[in-house]
Amino acid sequence: MRRLTALTASLVLGLLAACGDDAPTDEQQVRETLTTFASSVEKRDYRTLCEDVFAPDLLDGLQQIGLPCEVAMRTSLGEVQAPKLTVGEVAIDGTTARAEIKSSADGQDPSSDTLALTKVDGRWQVSALGADPEPTATATASP
């Protein structure tokens, strides 16, 4: 029996060590959040958007004006037909991230935007929709 317990412990420790090597990077986690975001919009799964995808700071603004998140999403996305979202470049700085996205829907002009994300309790969540992109550095000569 002791041999079986020792073997089981060795297997568990080996699996845990292997899991550490395959942990997703922050960029992979951000992209996974954005995939969930896109899928939830396409499926009109407002509950997932409001409970899993959006960060508390984003939801606070809706609560301050007395608008439940699911109602806001149903109102803003209810008429959108065949929405699509493509994720481009992702930039991460500590517990914040910015993602360039392109969105389209039937009967609407395509749009390029930047989403801001924040790491909340170990999970990446969308903290701002249509966030301003990071300013680009430009070199200027001064006399």
C-alpha atoms as a PDB file:
ATOM      1  CA  MET A   1       0.000   0.000   0.000  1.00  0.00           C
ATOM      2  CA  ARG A   2       2.853   2.416   0.808  1.00  0.00           C
ATOM      3  CA  ARG A   3       4.422   1.699  -2.562  1.00  0.00           C
ATOM      4  CA  LEU A   4       1.131   2.606  -4.308  1.00  0.00           C
ATOM      5  CA  THR A   5       0.865   5.836  -2.296  1.00  0.00           C
ATOM      6  CA  ALA A   6       4.446   6.787  -3.129  1.00  0.00           C
ATOM      7  CA  LEU A   7       3.854   6.001  -6.798  1.00  0.00           C
ATOM      8  CA  THR A   8       0.649   8.045  -6.831  1.00  0.00           C
ATOM      9  CA  ALA A   9       2.422  10.960  -5.150  1.00  0.00           C
ATOM     10  CA  SER A  10       5.229  10.780  -7.708  1.00  0.00           C
ATOM     11  CA  LEU A  11       2.754  10.792 -10.589  1.00  0.00           C
ATOM     12  CA  VAL A  12       0.828  13.747  -9.159  1.00  0.00           C
ATOM     13  CA  LEU A  13       4.024  15.741  -8.616  1.00  0.00           C
ATOM     14  CA  GLY A  14       5.170  14.903 -12.148  1.00  0.00           C
ATOM     15  CA  LEU A  15       1.859  16.050 -13.609  1.00  0.00           C
ATOM     16  CA  LEU A  16       1.944  19.275 -11.613  1.00  0.00           C
ATOM     17  CA  ALA A  17       5.463  20.006 -12.805  1.00  0.00           C
ATOM     18  CA  ALA A  18       4.450  19.346 -16.396  1.00  0.00           C
ATOM     19  CA  CYS A  19       1.441  21.642 -16.057  1.00  0.00           C
ATOM     20  CA  GLY A  20       3.695  24.488 -15.017  1.00  0.00           C
ATOM     21  CA  ASP A  21       5.615  24.236 -18.285  1.00  0.00           C
ATOM     22  CA  ASP A  22       2.441  24.429 -20.377  1.00  0.00           C
ATOM     23  CA  ALA A  23       0.818  27.349 -18.567  1.00  0.00           C
ATOM     24  CA  PRO A  24      -0.612  29.795 -21.095  1.00  0.00           C
ATOM     25  CA  THR A  25       1.178  33.107 -21.501  1.00  0.00           C
ATOM     26  CA  ASP A  26      -0.543  36.392 -20.726  1.00  0.00           C
ATOM     27  CA  GLU A  27      -0.935  37.022 -24.450  1.00  0.00           C
ATOM     28  CA  GLN A  28      -2.601  33.631 -24.930  1.00  0.00           C
ATOM     29  CA  GLN A  29      -4.929  34.375 -22.015  1.00  0.00           C
ATOM     30  CA  VAL A  30      -5.806  37.821 -23.452  1.00  0.00           C
ATOM     31  CA  ARG A  31      -6.547  36.261 -26.835  1.00  0.00           C
ATOM     32  CA  GLU A  32      -8.692  33.601 -25.145  1.00  0.00           C
ATOM     33  CA  THR A  33     -10.705  36.342 -23.395  1.00  0.00           C
ATOM     34  CA  LEU A  34     -11.192  38.105 -26.722  1.00  0.00           C
ATOM     35  CA  THR A  35     -12.281  34.850 -28.367  1.00  0.00           C
ATOM     36  CA  THR A  36     -14.879  34.454 -25.621  1.00  0.00           C
ATOM     37  CA  PHE A  37     -15.890  38.097 -26.170  1.00  0.00           C
ATOM     38  CA  ALA A  38     -16.363  37.548 -29.928  1.00  0.00           C
ATOM     39  CA  SER A  39     -18.206  34.253 -29.448  1.00  0.00           C
ATOM     40  CA  SER A  40     -20.505  35.770 -26.813  1.00  0.00           C
ATOM     41  CA  VAL A  41     -21.378  38.696 -29.092  1.00  0.00           C
ATOM     42  CA  GLU A  42     -22.106  36.349 -32.002  1.00  0.00           C
ATOM     43  CA  LYS A  43     -24.293  34.115 -29.821  1.00  0.00           C
ATOM     44  CA  ARG A  44     -25.889  37.084 -28.021  1.00  0.00           C
ATOM     45  CA  ASP A  45     -24.722  35.511 -24.763  1.00  0.00           C
ATOM     46  CA  TYR A  46     -24.989  38.687 -22.719  1.00  0.00           C
ATOM     47  CA  ARG A  47     -24.663  36.856 -19.402  1.00  0.00           C
ATOM     48  CA  THR A  48     -21.161  35.603 -20.295  1.00  0.00           C
ATOM     49  CA  LEU A  49     -20.168  39.087 -21.442  1.00  0.00           C
ATOM     50  CA  CYS A  50     -21.388  40.662 -18.222  1.00  0.00           C
ATOM     51  CA  GLU A  51     -20.229  37.994 -15.780  1.00  0.00           C
ATOM     52  CA  ASP A  52     -16.989  36.698 -17.313  1.00  0.00           C
ATOM     53  CA  VAL A  53     -15.659  39.000 -20.017  1.00  0.00           C
ATOM     54  CA  PHE A  54     -16.185  42.533 -18.690  1.00  0.00           C
ATOM     55  CA  ALA A  55     -14.070  43.831 -15.798  1.00  0.00           C
ATOM     56  CA  PRO A  56     -15.787  45.258 -12.707  1.00  0.00           C
ATOM     57  CA  ASP A  57     -14.587  48.793 -13.586  1.00  0.00           C
ATOM     58  CA  LEU A  58     -16.413  48.634 -16.913  1.00  0.00           C
ATOM     59  CA  LEU A  59     -19.579  47.396 -15.226  1.00  0.00           C
ATOM     60  CA  ASP A  60     -19.425  50.123 -12.555  1.00  0.00           C
ATOM     61  CA  GLY A  61     -20.154  52.788 -15.170  1.00  0.00           C
ATOM     62  CA  LEU A  62     -23.354  51.017 -16.182  1.00  0.00           C
ATOM     63  CA  GLN A  63     -24.414  50.550 -12.581  1.00  0.00           C
ATOM     64  CA  GLN A  64     -23.894  54.253 -11.865  1.00  0.00           C
ATOM     65  CA  ILE A  65     -26.485  55.170 -14.467  1.00  0.00           C
ATOM     66  CA  GLY A  66     -28.806  52.382 -13.334  1.00  0.00           C
ATOM     67  CA  LEU A  67     -28.516  50.280 -16.471  1.00  0.00           C
ATOM     68  CA  PRO A  68     -28.060  46.532 -15.965  1.00  0.00           C
ATOM     69  CA  CYS A  69     -25.283  45.168 -18.144  1.00  0.00           C
ATOM     70  CA  GLU A  70     -27.418  42.589 -19.915  1.00  0.00           C
ATOM     71  CA  VAL A  71     -29.995  45.245 -20.831  1.00  0.00           C
ATOM     72  CA  ALA A  72     -27.253  47.528 -22.166  1.00  0.00           C
ATOM     73  CA  MET A  73     -25.801  44.715 -24.284  1.00  0.00           C
ATOM     74  CA  ARG A  74     -29.205  43.645 -25.593  1.00  0.00           C
ATOM     75  CA  THR A  75     -29.965  47.257 -26.551  1.00  0.00           C
ATOM     76  CA  SER A  76     -26.624  47.956 -28.232  1.00  0.00           C
ATOM     77  CA  LEU A  77     -26.143  44.573 -29.937  1.00  0.00           C
ATOM     78  CA  GLY A  78     -29.708  43.377 -30.463  1.00  0.00           C
ATOM     79  CA  GLU A  79     -30.027  44.606 -34.064  1.00  0.00           C
ATOM     80  CA  VAL A  80     -26.478  43.670 -35.132  1.00  0.00           C
ATOM     81  CA  GLN A  81     -26.491  40.908 -37.745  1.00  0.00           C
ATOM     82  CA  ALA A  82     -23.592  38.453 -38.246  1.00  0.00           C
ATOM     83  CA  PRO A  83     -21.020  40.245 -36.068  1.00  0.00           C
ATOM     84  CA  LYS A  84     -17.372  39.252 -36.540  1.00  0.00           C
ATOM     85  CA  LEU A  85     -14.309  40.251 -34.551  1.00  0.00           C
ATOM     86  CA  THR A  86     -10.682  39.740 -35.532  1.00  0.00           C
ATOM     87  CA  VAL A  87      -7.876  40.257 -33.024  1.00  0.00           C
ATOM     88  CA  GLY A  88      -4.658  41.837 -34.228  1.00  0.00           C
ATOM     89  CA  GLU A  89      -1.695  42.971 -32.145  1.00  0.00           C
ATOM     90  CA  VAL A  90      -1.784  42.521 -28.381  1.00  0.00           C
ATOM     91  CA  ALA A  91       0.447  44.597 -26.090  1.00  0.00           C
ATOM     92  CA  ILE A  92       0.796  43.717 -22.410  1.00  0.00           C
ATOM     93  CA  ASP A  93       2.207  45.913 -19.664  1.00  0.00           C
ATOM     94  CA  GLY A  94       2.024  44.236 -16.267  1.00  0.00           C
ATOM     95  CA  THR A  95      -1.655  43.786 -15.403  1.00  0.00           C
ATOM     96  CA  THR A  96      -2.982  45.852 -18.300  1.00  0.00           C
ATOM     97  CA  ALA A  97      -3.211  45.044 -21.986  1.00  0.00           C
ATOM     98  CA  ARG A  98      -4.369  46.631 -25.220  1.00  0.00           C
ATOM     99  CA  ALA A  99      -5.626  44.685 -28.187  1.00  0.00           C
ATOM    100  CA  GLU A 100      -6.199  45.941 -31.696  1.00  0.00           C
ATOM    101  CA  ILE A 101      -9.419  44.555 -33.116  1.00  0.00           C
ATOM    102  CA  LYS A 102     -11.338  44.765 -36.350  1.00  0.00           C
ATOM    103  CA  SER A 103     -15.067  44.273 -36.224  1.00  0.00           C
ATOM    104  CA  SER A 104     -17.700  43.951 -38.892  1.00  0.00           C
ATOM    105  CA  ALA A 105     -21.365  43.105 -39.220  1.00  0.00           C
ATOM    106  CA  ASP A 106     -23.845  42.818 -42.051  1.00  0.00           C
ATOM    107  CA  GLY A 107     -24.969  46.247 -43.240  1.00  0.00           C
ATOM    108  CA  GLN A 108     -22.311  48.136 -41.248  1.00  0.00           C
ATOM    109  CA  ASP A 109     -18.945  49.586 -42.127  1.00  0.00           C
ATOM    110  CA  PRO A 110     -15.979  47.664 -40.692  1.00  0.00           C
ATOM    111  CA  SER A 111     -14.336  49.243 -37.676  1.00  0.00           C
ATOM    112  CA  SER A 112     -10.827  49.196 -36.204  1.00  0.00           C
ATOM    113  CA  ASP A 113     -10.636  49.779 -32.475  1.00  0.00           C
ATOM    114  CA  THR A 114      -8.484  49.161 -29.448  1.00  0.00           C
ATOM    115  CA  LEU A 115      -9.784  47.294 -26.413  1.00  0.00           C
ATOM    116  CA  ALA A 116      -8.226  47.682 -22.991  1.00  0.00           C
ATOM    117  CA  LEU A 117      -7.989  44.682 -20.696  1.00  0.00           C
ATOM    118  CA  THR A 118      -7.066  44.323 -17.043  1.00  0.00           C
ATOM    119  CA  LYS A 119      -5.956  41.271 -15.119  1.00  0.00           C
ATOM    120  CA  VAL A 120      -8.492  40.806 -12.316  1.00  0.00           C
ATOM    121  CA  ASP A 121      -8.004  37.969  -9.822  1.00  0.00           C
ATOM    122  CA  GLY A 122      -5.692  36.202 -12.269  1.00  0.00           C
ATOM    123  CA  ARG A 123      -8.085  36.499 -15.240  1.00  0.00           C
ATOM    124  CA  TRP A 124      -7.929  38.947 -18.141  1.00  0.00           C
ATOM    125  CA  GLN A 125     -11.119  40.957 -18.602  1.00  0.00           C
ATOM    126  CA  VAL A 126     -12.153  43.753 -20.963  1.00  0.00           C
ATOM    127  CA  SER A 127     -11.950  47.044 -19.054  1.00  0.00           C
ATOM    128  CA  ALA A 128     -12.680  49.543 -21.842  1.00  0.00           C
ATOM    129  CA  LEU A 129     -14.342  49.250 -25.219  1.00  0.00           C
ATOM    130  CA  GLY A 130     -12.891  51.401 -27.960  1.00  0.00           C
ATOM    131  CA  ALA A 131      -9.992  52.531 -25.772  1.00  0.00           C
ATOM    132  CA  ASP A 132      -7.550  55.082 -27.124  1.00  0.00           C
ATOM    133  CA  PRO A 133      -4.465  53.401 -28.511  1.00  0.00           C
ATOM    134  CA  GLU A 134      -1.144  53.989 -26.833  1.00  0.00           C
ATOM    135  CA  PRO A 135       0.563  57.093 -28.199  1.00  0.00           C
ATOM    136  CA  THR A 136       3.367  56.301 -30.571  1.00  0.00           C
ATOM    137  CA  ALA A 137       6.774  57.741 -29.933  1.00  0.00           C
ATOM    138  CA  THR A 138       8.031  60.119 -32.580  1.00  0.00           C
ATOM    139  CA  ALA A 139      11.451  61.577 -32.798  1.00  0.00           C
ATOM    140  CA  THR A 140      11.631  65.295 -33.303  1.00  0.00           C
ATOM    141  CA  ALA A 141      14.686  67.438 -33.760  1.00  0.00           C
ATOM    142  CA  SER A 142      14.981  70.498 -31.605  1.00  0.00           C
ATOM    143  CA  PRO A 143      17.308  73.418 -32.350  1.00  0.00           C
END
